Amino acid sequence: MDKILCEVWSGTGDAGHTGPVRIVIAPDKFAGTLTATEAARAIADGWHDVDPEAATELVPLSDGGPGFVEVLHTALGGKTVRLDVTGPLGTAVPADYLLDGDTAYIESAQACGLHLVAPDERDPGRATSRGVGELIAHAIDAGARTVVVGLGGSATNDAGAGMLAALGAAPGRTLSAGGGALADLPGPIDLAPALRATAGVRLVAATDVDNPLLGPHGASAVFGPQKGADDAQVHHLDRALAAFADATAAATGVPGDPRSVPGAGAAGGLGYALLLLGGTIESGVARVLAAVGLSEQVAAADLVITGEGSFDSQSLRGKLPHGVARAAAAHAVPCVVTAGVVSVGREEAAAAGISATYSLVESAGSTEAALTRSAAELRRLAADVARRWGR
């Protein structure tokens, strides 16, 4: 394997390039252990342990979930605005959004993220997305004419009802009470105030999740268990969201029924609510990669290293490592993945443009070591990658 990799390696970069090895390090977060910035730094440190002269370009990334605002602020500048908003369980939490000219970037996880709820308190039936609507309203009042909402990492399963309530939809108390309450709506839903509040504003849902709102591939069935729902609650939540979709289908001027649109089920159905308001769904990965100028940076590199917590089949369905690998392939630059856990086979990875994968758990010797010493173990793994791939 090393001989083949070295042959590929020597054919990358500028013709005749003999200077320091140039590495673009572009990971996502390692969920629950390392931010994207921390992961990038650990990988760079590990490489420099083996090759101190290497030129490393750190490009921490996000697909719209946690880290979205931080990554875009680093790339775009602008100013971050902090305010207290309603958290997933109703108590106030601090949240930042980025204002760049007349475009606002909001990270839904800052207002309703799973990380904001203790494991023993997680209940997608009562978690609310109201704080996301409060961020949107504040950004519009601050002059935003385009609002990009990064979706991912939510504790909610309320189809964005809480977000709509914060923008004026009624009955606000029921809509803010979590997805479980949507099964017994007390009357018709009035979306007109929310539509007025967002009139003239372009809303974008940034996500690479393609799940619809309902059914076996919908928000409740796929993501509910990750947020604490058992089988009975998953069934109840899916029925509740169906009732909400029935009640809202005729309450908006948007043509068609957005419940089946790919991405409507993102972030517990926040994608659906944004569609109700006339929003569009775009790739979070594509938007972030364009913002950071990844293609230009990769073009001058000898190797690209990306990574995330779990590199699995979902990673090959348009998630961040796949997007990075495509950018690398466009410039004939090899791309390797370092991940907490790797469950993608070699052939599958190669078909996606990934030259090699490396597991942190395998390198560290146990899941416990990988979780408790994440930065140190990732640094050690990166040093091993450097020995395999260095000149």
Foldseek 3Di string as FASTA:
>chain_A
DLVVLQVLLVPAFDPPDDAAAEEEEEAQAQPPFGHLQLLQVLLVLLLCVQPVRHHYHYQYFDFLAPPLQVNLCVLQPADKDWDWFQAFQGDTAIAIWGDDPQEIEGHQCRRFALVVDDPVGQDQQFTFSLRVLVVVLVSVVVRHQEYEHRFDRGSYQLLNLNSLLNQPKPPNVQSGRGLLSLLCDPDAIASVSSLVSNPSHAYEYAHLAFAFCADCRHQLNPCVVVRPDDPVVSVSSRNSVVSVQVRLVPNAPQPDRRRNGTPCRTNNRPNNVCVRSVYYYDGSLVVSCVSNVLLVSLLRHSEYEYEYAEADPVCCSRDNVLVNLVSNVVNSHEYEYEYQYYDDDPVRCVVSNHNYYHHLCVQLVHSVSCRVVVSNSSSNVSNVVSVSNPD
